[in-house]
Amino acid sequence: MKHREAAVSIKQTVLMVVREMSSSAGYIYKYEAEGKVTREDSEEYMEKVQAALDYIISEFLEPVYALHPDLRPKCCGCEKSPEPE
């Protein structure tokens, strides 16, 4: 995605999908605790969600970040605040 505006839009959309899928993982554990799904079902679901997230990130986000490195989120631990004197 060479056009920056399109890259920003794709990044925002993909991150929204990632957030929603991650939230669904939390729900499945709740359902398992309530006895609504089996442990096997929740484990299978989690494996599929993780595989989908890995694919989405590698196939959609990484190419955007390769062309527009400034769009990659900064690591919280990588940027140190200046220490007060």
PDB file of N, CA and C in Angstrom:
ATOM      1  N   MET A   1       0.839  -1.158   0.000  1.00  0.00           N
ATOM      2  CA  MET A   1       0.000   0.000   0.000  1.00  0.00           C
ATOM      3  C   MET A   1       0.893   1.234   0.000  1.00  0.00           C
ATOM      4  N   LYS A   2       1.203   1.713  -1.173  1.00  0.00           N
ATOM      5  CA  LYS A   2       2.127   2.836  -1.297  1.00  0.00           C
ATOM      6  C   LYS A   2       1.492   4.157  -0.888  1.00  0.00           C
ATOM      7  N   HIS A   3       0.212   4.313  -1.151  1.00  0.00           N
ATOM      8  CA  HIS A   3      -0.457   5.572  -0.814  1.00  0.00           C
ATOM      9  C   HIS A   3      -0.657   5.647   0.693  1.00  0.00           C
ATOM     10  N   ARG A   4      -0.133   6.697   1.307  1.00  0.00           N
ATOM     11  CA  ARG A   4      -0.135   6.809   2.770  1.00  0.00           C
ATOM     12  C   ARG A   4      -1.540   6.823   3.358  1.00  0.00           C
ATOM     13  N   GLU A   5      -2.453   7.557   2.762  1.00  0.00           N
ATOM     14  CA  GLU A   5      -3.820   7.630   3.297  1.00  0.00           C
ATOM     15  C   GLU A   5      -4.472   6.247   3.312  1.00  0.00           C
ATOM     16  N   ALA A   6      -4.261   5.488   2.254  1.00  0.00           N
ATOM     17  CA  ALA A   6      -4.795   4.122   2.198  1.00  0.00           C
ATOM     18  C   ALA A   6      -4.117   3.248   3.248  1.00  0.00           C
ATOM     19  N   ALA A   7      -2.816   3.414   3.428  1.00  0.00           N
ATOM     20  CA  ALA A   7      -2.084   2.628   4.423  1.00  0.00           C
ATOM     21  C   ALA A   7      -2.594   2.909   5.831  1.00  0.00           C
ATOM     22  N   VAL A   8      -2.849   4.177   6.132  1.00  0.00           N
ATOM     23  CA  VAL A   8      -3.375   4.547   7.450  1.00  0.00           C
ATOM     24  C   VAL A   8      -4.748   3.921   7.658  1.00  0.00           C
ATOM     25  N   SER A   9      -5.583   3.979   6.646  1.00  0.00           N
ATOM     26  CA  SER A   9      -6.929   3.400   6.740  1.00  0.00           C
ATOM     27  C   SER A   9      -6.868   1.889   6.956  1.00  0.00           C
ATOM     28  N   ILE A  10      -6.002   1.230   6.211  1.00  0.00           N
ATOM     29  CA  ILE A  10      -5.853  -0.221   6.360  1.00  0.00           C
ATOM     30  C   ILE A  10      -5.341  -0.555   7.755  1.00  0.00           C
ATOM     31  N   LYS A  11      -4.353   0.184   8.224  1.00  0.00           N
ATOM     32  CA  LYS A  11      -3.815  -0.058   9.565  1.00  0.00           C
ATOM     33  C   LYS A  11      -4.922   0.067  10.607  1.00  0.00           C
ATOM     34  N   GLN A  12      -5.701   1.137  10.538  1.00  0.00           N
ATOM     35  CA  GLN A  12      -6.770   1.350  11.515  1.00  0.00           C
ATOM     36  C   GLN A  12      -7.802   0.226  11.464  1.00  0.00           C
ATOM     37  N   THR A  13      -8.182  -0.175  10.274  1.00  0.00           N
ATOM     38  CA  THR A  13      -9.171  -1.240  10.117  1.00  0.00           C
ATOM     39  C   THR A  13      -8.645  -2.568  10.649  1.00  0.00           C
ATOM     40  N   VAL A  14      -7.420  -2.900  10.287  1.00  0.00           N
ATOM     41  CA  VAL A  14      -6.840  -4.169  10.734  1.00  0.00           C
ATOM     42  C   VAL A  14      -6.693  -4.183  12.254  1.00  0.00           C
ATOM     43  N   LEU A  15      -6.244  -3.083  12.842  1.00  0.00           N
ATOM     44  CA  LEU A  15      -6.106  -3.039  14.302  1.00  0.00           C
ATOM     45  C   LEU A  15      -7.460  -3.161  14.995  1.00  0.00           C
ATOM     46  N   MET A  16      -8.504  -2.619  14.378  1.00  0.00           N
ATOM     47  CA  MET A  16      -9.848  -2.761  14.939  1.00  0.00           C
ATOM     48  C   MET A  16     -10.277  -4.235  14.910  1.00  0.00           C
ATOM     49  N   VAL A  17     -10.013  -4.915  13.815  1.00  0.00           N
ATOM     50  CA  VAL A  17     -10.334  -6.342  13.700  1.00  0.00           C
ATOM     51  C   VAL A  17      -9.542  -7.145  14.734  1.00  0.00           C
ATOM     52  N   VAL A  18      -8.271  -6.820  14.892  1.00  0.00           N
ATOM     53  CA  VAL A  18      -7.429  -7.518  15.872  1.00  0.00           C
ATOM     54  C   VAL A  18      -7.988  -7.327  17.279  1.00  0.00           C
ATOM     55  N   ARG A  19      -8.391  -6.095  17.616  1.00  0.00           N
ATOM     56  CA  ARG A  19      -8.974  -5.841  18.944  1.00  0.00           C
ATOM     57  C   ARG A  19     -10.238  -6.656  19.162  1.00  0.00           C
ATOM     58  N   GLU A  20     -11.111  -6.690  18.163  1.00  0.00           N
ATOM     59  CA  GLU A  20     -12.369  -7.434  18.293  1.00  0.00           C
ATOM     60  C   GLU A  20     -12.112  -8.928  18.464  1.00  0.00           C
ATOM     61  N   MET A  21     -11.187  -9.459  17.691  1.00  0.00           N
ATOM     62  CA  MET A  21     -10.881 -10.888  17.809  1.00  0.00           C
ATOM     63  C   MET A  21     -10.253 -11.196  19.162  1.00  0.00           C
ATOM     64  N   SER A  22      -9.409 -10.302  19.640  1.00  0.00           N
ATOM     65  CA  SER A  22      -8.799 -10.496  20.958  1.00  0.00           C
ATOM     66  C   SER A  22      -9.860 -10.450  22.051  1.00  0.00           C
ATOM     67  N   SER A  23     -10.830  -9.556  21.914  1.00  0.00           N
ATOM     68  CA  SER A  23     -11.927  -9.485  22.884  1.00  0.00           C
ATOM     69  C   SER A  23     -12.730 -10.774  22.884  1.00  0.00           C
ATOM     70  N   SER A  24     -12.945 -11.334  21.715  1.00  0.00           N
ATOM     71  CA  SER A  24     -13.720 -12.574  21.639  1.00  0.00           C
ATOM     72  C   SER A  24     -13.016 -13.700  22.381  1.00  0.00           C
ATOM     73  N   ALA A  25     -11.697 -13.641  22.418  1.00  0.00           N
ATOM     74  CA  ALA A  25     -10.942 -14.655  23.158  1.00  0.00           C
ATOM     75  C   ALA A  25     -11.250 -14.559  24.646  1.00  0.00           C
ATOM     76  N   GLY A  26     -11.391 -13.356  25.151  1.00  0.00           N
ATOM     77  CA  GLY A  26     -11.762 -13.179  26.553  1.00  0.00           C
ATOM     78  C   GLY A  26     -13.133 -13.735  26.845  1.00  0.00           C
ATOM     79  N   TYR A  27     -14.050 -13.546  25.915  1.00  0.00           N
ATOM     80  CA  TYR A  27     -15.411 -14.063  26.108  1.00  0.00           C
ATOM     81  C   TYR A  27     -15.425 -15.583  26.156  1.00  0.00           C
ATOM     82  N   ILE A  28     -14.615 -16.206  25.323  1.00  0.00           N
ATOM     83  CA  ILE A  28     -14.645 -17.670  25.264  1.00  0.00           C
ATOM     84  C   ILE A  28     -14.184 -18.268  26.587  1.00  0.00           C
ATOM     85  N   TYR A  29     -13.223 -17.620  27.247  1.00  0.00           N
ATOM     86  CA  TYR A  29     -12.797 -18.105  28.564  1.00  0.00           C
ATOM     87  C   TYR A  29     -13.909 -17.937  29.589  1.00  0.00           C
ATOM     88  N   LYS A  30     -14.648 -16.854  29.477  1.00  0.00           N
ATOM     89  CA  LYS A  30     -15.790 -16.635  30.373  1.00  0.00           C
ATOM     90  C   LYS A  30     -16.837 -17.724  30.147  1.00  0.00           C
ATOM     91  N   TYR A  31     -17.122 -18.015  28.895  1.00  0.00           N
ATOM     92  CA  TYR A  31     -18.106 -19.059  28.582  1.00  0.00           C
ATOM     93  C   TYR A  31     -17.648 -20.423  29.085  1.00  0.00           C
ATOM     94  N   GLU A  32     -16.347 -20.665  28.984  1.00  0.00           N
ATOM     95  CA  GLU A  32     -15.821 -21.932  29.493  1.00  0.00           C
ATOM     96  C   GLU A  32     -16.011 -22.001  31.008  1.00  0.00           C
ATOM     97  N   ALA A  33     -15.708 -20.924  31.707  1.00  0.00           N
ATOM     98  CA  ALA A  33     -15.859 -20.894  33.168  1.00  0.00           C
ATOM     99  C   ALA A  33     -17.317 -21.084  33.581  1.00  0.00           C
ATOM    100  N   GLU A  34     -18.237 -20.611  32.743  1.00  0.00           N
ATOM    101  CA  GLU A  34     -19.668 -20.749  33.028  1.00  0.00           C
ATOM    102  C   GLU A  34     -20.226 -22.089  32.566  1.00  0.00           C
ATOM    103  N   GLY A  35     -19.390 -22.915  31.947  1.00  0.00           N
ATOM    104  CA  GLY A  35     -19.834 -24.220  31.477  1.00  0.00           C
ATOM    105  C   GLY A  35     -20.599 -24.179  30.163  1.00  0.00           C
ATOM    106  N   LYS A  36     -20.516 -23.069  29.446  1.00  0.00           N
ATOM    107  CA  LYS A  36     -21.242 -22.930  28.179  1.00  0.00           C
ATOM    108  C   LYS A  36     -20.485 -23.532  27.002  1.00  0.00           C
ATOM    109  N   VAL A  37     -19.166 -23.646  27.140  1.00  0.00           N
ATOM    110  CA  VAL A  37     -18.351 -24.325  26.131  1.00  0.00           C
ATOM    111  C   VAL A  37     -17.357 -25.221  26.860  1.00  0.00           C
ATOM    112  N   THR A  38     -16.930 -26.253  26.187  1.00  0.00           N
ATOM    113  CA  THR A  38     -15.964 -27.167  26.800  1.00  0.00           C
ATOM    114  C   THR A  38     -14.555 -26.582  26.704  1.00  0.00           C
ATOM    115  N   ARG A  39     -13.667 -27.133  27.497  1.00  0.00           N
ATOM    116  CA  ARG A  39     -12.261 -26.721  27.460  1.00  0.00           C
ATOM    117  C   ARG A  39     -11.688 -26.975  26.058  1.00  0.00           C
ATOM    118  N   GLU A  40     -12.049 -28.111  25.488  1.00  0.00           N
ATOM    119  CA  GLU A  40     -11.566 -28.442  24.143  1.00  0.00           C
ATOM    120  C   GLU A  40     -12.045 -27.413  23.123  1.00  0.00           C
ATOM    121  N   ASP A  41     -13.326 -27.027  23.235  1.00  0.00           N
ATOM    122  CA  ASP A  41     -13.862 -26.026  22.314  1.00  0.00           C
ATOM    123  C   ASP A  41     -13.143 -24.688  22.469  1.00  0.00           C
ATOM    124  N   SER A  42     -12.903 -24.287  23.710  1.00  0.00           N
ATOM    125  CA  SER A  42     -12.238 -22.999  23.922  1.00  0.00           C
ATOM    126  C   SER A  42     -10.791 -23.047  23.440  1.00  0.00           C
ATOM    127  N   GLU A  43     -10.106 -24.160  23.659  1.00  0.00           N
ATOM    128  CA  GLU A  43      -8.730 -24.283  23.178  1.00  0.00           C
ATOM    129  C   GLU A  43      -8.673 -24.263  21.654  1.00  0.00           C
ATOM    130  N   GLU A  44      -9.611 -24.961  21.029  1.00  0.00           N
ATOM    131  CA  GLU A  44      -9.662 -24.970  19.566  1.00  0.00           C
ATOM    132  C   GLU A  44      -9.937 -23.566  19.034  1.00  0.00           C
ATOM    133  N   TYR A  45     -10.868 -22.881  19.671  1.00  0.00           N
ATOM    134  CA  TYR A  45     -11.204 -21.517  19.256  1.00  0.00           C
ATOM    135  C   TYR A  45      -9.982 -20.608  19.391  1.00  0.00           C
ATOM    136  N   MET A  46      -9.288 -20.710  20.531  1.00  0.00           N
ATOM    137  CA  MET A  46      -8.122 -19.866  20.765  1.00  0.00           C
ATOM    138  C   MET A  46      -7.022 -20.130  19.741  1.00  0.00           C
ATOM    139  N   GLU A  47      -6.819 -21.378  19.390  1.00  0.00           N
ATOM    140  CA  GLU A  47      -5.818 -21.705  18.374  1.00  0.00           C
ATOM    141  C   GLU A  47      -6.183 -21.080  17.032  1.00  0.00           C
ATOM    142  N   LYS A  48      -7.467 -21.135  16.690  1.00  0.00           N
ATOM    143  CA  LYS A  48      -7.912 -20.561  15.417  1.00  0.00           C
ATOM    144  C   LYS A  48      -7.806 -19.041  15.424  1.00  0.00           C
ATOM    145  N   VAL A  49      -8.157 -18.430  16.547  1.00  0.00           N
ATOM    146  CA  VAL A  49      -8.035 -16.974  16.658  1.00  0.00           C
ATOM    147  C   VAL A  49      -6.571 -16.573  16.525  1.00  0.00           C
ATOM    148  N   GLN A  50      -5.689 -17.276  17.218  1.00  0.00           N
ATOM    149  CA  GLN A  50      -4.266 -16.949  17.149  1.00  0.00           C
ATOM    150  C   GLN A  50      -3.729 -17.114  15.734  1.00  0.00           C
ATOM    151  N   ALA A  51      -4.122 -18.177  15.061  1.00  0.00           N
ATOM    152  CA  ALA A  51      -3.674 -18.391  13.682  1.00  0.00           C
ATOM    153  C   ALA A  51      -4.178 -17.271  12.772  1.00  0.00           C
ATOM    154  N   ALA A  52      -5.428 -16.878  12.961  1.00  0.00           N
ATOM    155  CA  ALA A  52      -5.997 -15.800  12.154  1.00  0.00           C
ATOM    156  C   ALA A  52      -5.282 -14.479  12.428  1.00  0.00           C
ATOM    157  N   LEU A  53      -5.017 -14.191  13.698  1.00  0.00           N
ATOM    158  CA  LEU A  53      -4.313 -12.956  14.046  1.00  0.00           C
ATOM    159  C   LEU A  53      -2.907 -12.941  13.465  1.00  0.00           C
ATOM    160  N   ASP A  54      -2.216 -14.051  13.560  1.00  0.00           N
ATOM    161  CA  ASP A  54      -0.870 -14.139  12.987  1.00  0.00           C
ATOM    162  C   ASP A  54      -0.907 -13.850  11.486  1.00  0.00           C
ATOM    163  N   TYR A  55      -1.884 -14.439  10.801  1.00  0.00           N
ATOM    164  CA  TYR A  55      -2.018 -14.236   9.358  1.00  0.00           C
ATOM    165  C   TYR A  55      -2.337 -12.776   9.037  1.00  0.00           C
ATOM    166  N   ILE A  56      -3.308 -12.222   9.735  1.00  0.00           N
ATOM    167  CA  ILE A  56      -3.723 -10.837   9.487  1.00  0.00           C
ATOM    168  C   ILE A  56      -2.553  -9.879   9.696  1.00  0.00           C
ATOM    169  N   ILE A  57      -1.826 -10.074  10.774  1.00  0.00           N
ATOM    170  CA  ILE A  57      -0.706  -9.180  11.069  1.00  0.00           C
ATOM    171  C   ILE A  57       0.398  -9.323  10.028  1.00  0.00           C
ATOM    172  N   SER A  58       0.751 -10.558   9.696  1.00  0.00           N
ATOM    173  CA  SER A  58       1.857 -10.754   8.749  1.00  0.00           C
ATOM    174  C   SER A  58       1.490 -10.370   7.320  1.00  0.00           C
ATOM    175  N   GLU A  59       0.249 -10.591   6.924  1.00  0.00           N
ATOM    176  CA  GLU A  59      -0.143 -10.341   5.538  1.00  0.00           C
ATOM    177  C   GLU A  59      -0.689  -8.936   5.279  1.00  0.00           C
ATOM    178  N   PHE A  60      -1.161  -8.260   6.306  1.00  0.00           N
ATOM    179  CA  PHE A  60      -1.735  -6.932   6.114  1.00  0.00           C
ATOM    180  C   PHE A  60      -0.924  -5.831   6.794  1.00  0.00           C
ATOM    181  N   LEU A  61      -0.607  -6.006   8.069  1.00  0.00           N
ATOM    182  CA  LEU A  61       0.090  -4.940   8.789  1.00  0.00           C
ATOM    183  C   LEU A  61       1.571  -4.856   8.446  1.00  0.00           C
ATOM    184  N   GLU A  62       2.252  -5.971   8.436  1.00  0.00           N
ATOM    185  CA  GLU A  62       3.697  -5.930   8.190  1.00  0.00           C
ATOM    186  C   GLU A  62       4.046  -5.296   6.841  1.00  0.00           C
ATOM    187  N   PRO A  63       3.314  -5.594   5.752  1.00  0.00           N
ATOM    188  CA  PRO A  63       3.616  -4.906   4.494  1.00  0.00           C
ATOM    189  C   PRO A  63       3.401  -3.388   4.582  1.00  0.00           C
ATOM    190  N   VAL A  64       2.379  -2.969   5.323  1.00  0.00           N
ATOM    191  CA  VAL A  64       2.149  -1.531   5.510  1.00  0.00           C
ATOM    192  C   VAL A  64       3.322  -0.925   6.275  1.00  0.00           C
ATOM    193  N   TYR A  65       3.742  -1.593   7.347  1.00  0.00           N
ATOM    194  CA  TYR A  65       4.854  -1.083   8.146  1.00  0.00           C
ATOM    195  C   TYR A  65       6.165  -1.082   7.359  1.00  0.00           C
ATOM    196  N   ALA A  66       6.321  -2.026   6.451  1.00  0.00           N
ATOM    197  CA  ALA A  66       7.539  -2.071   5.638  1.00  0.00           C
ATOM    198  C   ALA A  66       7.639  -0.840   4.736  1.00  0.00           C
ATOM    199  N   LEU A  67       6.508  -0.409   4.199  1.00  0.00           N
ATOM    200  CA  LEU A  67       6.498   0.771   3.327  1.00  0.00           C
ATOM    201  C   LEU A  67       6.402   2.077   4.106  1.00  0.00           C
ATOM    202  N   HIS A  68       5.801   2.013   5.278  1.00  0.00           N
ATOM    203  CA  HIS A  68       5.587   3.212   6.100  1.00  0.00           C
ATOM    204  C   HIS A  68       6.010   2.909   7.543  1.00  0.00           C
ATOM    205  N   PRO A  69       7.310   2.831   7.805  1.00  0.00           N
ATOM    206  CA  PRO A  69       7.780   2.436   9.140  1.00  0.00           C
ATOM    207  C   PRO A  69       7.290   3.354  10.258  1.00  0.00           C
ATOM    208  N   ASP A  70       7.003   4.594   9.930  1.00  0.00           N
ATOM    209  CA  ASP A  70       6.521   5.526  10.951  1.00  0.00           C
ATOM    210  C   ASP A  70       5.123   5.178  11.453  1.00  0.00           C
ATOM    211  N   LEU A  71       4.399   4.321  10.746  1.00  0.00           N
ATOM    212  CA  LEU A  71       3.064   3.907  11.185  1.00  0.00           C
ATOM    213  C   LEU A  71       3.122   2.785  12.220  1.00  0.00           C
ATOM    214  N   ARG A  72       4.281   2.154  12.357  1.00  0.00           N
ATOM    215  CA  ARG A  72       4.429   1.073  13.341  1.00  0.00           C
ATOM    216  C   ARG A  72       4.350   1.691  14.737  1.00  0.00           C
ATOM    217  N   PRO A  73       3.522   1.112  15.612  1.00  0.00           N
ATOM    218  CA  PRO A  73       3.440   1.643  16.979  1.00  0.00           C
ATOM    219  C   PRO A  73       4.796   1.542  17.673  1.00  0.00           C
ATOM    220  N   LYS A  74       5.081   2.554  18.461  1.00  0.00           N
ATOM    221  CA  LYS A  74       6.330   2.536  19.216  1.00  0.00           C
ATOM    222  C   LYS A  74       6.180   1.623  20.422  1.00  0.00           C
ATOM    223  N   CYS A  75       7.240   0.939  20.751  1.00  0.00           N
ATOM    224  CA  CYS A  75       7.266   0.056  21.917  1.00  0.00           C
ATOM    225  C   CYS A  75       7.335   0.920  23.174  1.00  0.00           C
ATOM    226  N   CYS A  76       6.435   0.672  24.113  1.00  0.00           N
ATOM    227  CA  CYS A  76       6.398   1.466  25.349  1.00  0.00           C
ATOM    228  C   CYS A  76       7.717   1.398  26.108  1.00  0.00           C
ATOM    229  N   GLY A  77       8.350   0.249  26.109  1.00  0.00           N
ATOM    230  CA  GLY A  77       9.593   0.080  26.845  1.00  0.00           C
ATOM    231  C   GLY A  77      10.817   0.571  26.091  1.00  0.00           C
ATOM    232  N   CYS A  78      10.656   0.813  24.784  1.00  0.00           N
ATOM    233  CA  CYS A  78      11.807   1.201  23.972  1.00  0.00           C
ATOM    234  C   CYS A  78      12.165   2.672  24.122  1.00  0.00           C
ATOM    235  N   GLU A  79      11.177   3.482  24.358  1.00  0.00           N
ATOM    236  CA  GLU A  79      11.414   4.908  24.466  1.00  0.00           C
ATOM    237  C   GLU A  79      11.455   5.287  25.930  1.00  0.00           C
ATOM    238  N   LYS A  80      12.613   5.671  26.387  1.00  0.00           N
ATOM    239  CA  LYS A  80      12.749   6.027  27.793  1.00  0.00           C
ATOM    240  C   LYS A  80      12.495   7.518  27.965  1.00  0.00           C
ATOM    241  N   SER A  81      11.778   7.839  29.018  1.00  0.00           N
ATOM    242  CA  SER A  81      11.561   9.239  29.357  1.00  0.00           C
ATOM    243  C   SER A  81      12.834   9.780  29.985  1.00  0.00           C
ATOM    244  N   PRO A  82      13.092  11.052  29.759  1.00  0.00           N
ATOM    245  CA  PRO A  82      14.262  11.619  30.426  1.00  0.00           C
ATOM    246  C   PRO A  82      14.077  11.559  31.936  1.00  0.00           C
ATOM    247  N   GLU A  83      15.138  11.182  32.610  1.00  0.00           N
ATOM    248  CA  GLU A  83      15.051  11.077  34.068  1.00  0.00           C
ATOM    249  C   GLU A  83      15.107  12.466  34.681  1.00  0.00           C
ATOM    250  N   PRO A  84      14.240  12.708  35.688  1.00  0.00           N
ATOM    251  CA  PRO A  84      14.274  14.022  36.342  1.00  0.00           C
ATOM    252  C   PRO A  84      15.591  14.208  37.089  1.00  0.00           C
ATOM    253  N   GLU A  85      16.068  15.448  37.065  1.00  0.00           N
ATOM    254  CA  GLU A  85      17.344  15.725  37.735  1.00  0.00           C
ATOM    255  C   GLU A  85      17.137  16.193  39.140  1.00  0.00           C
TER     256      GLU A  85
END
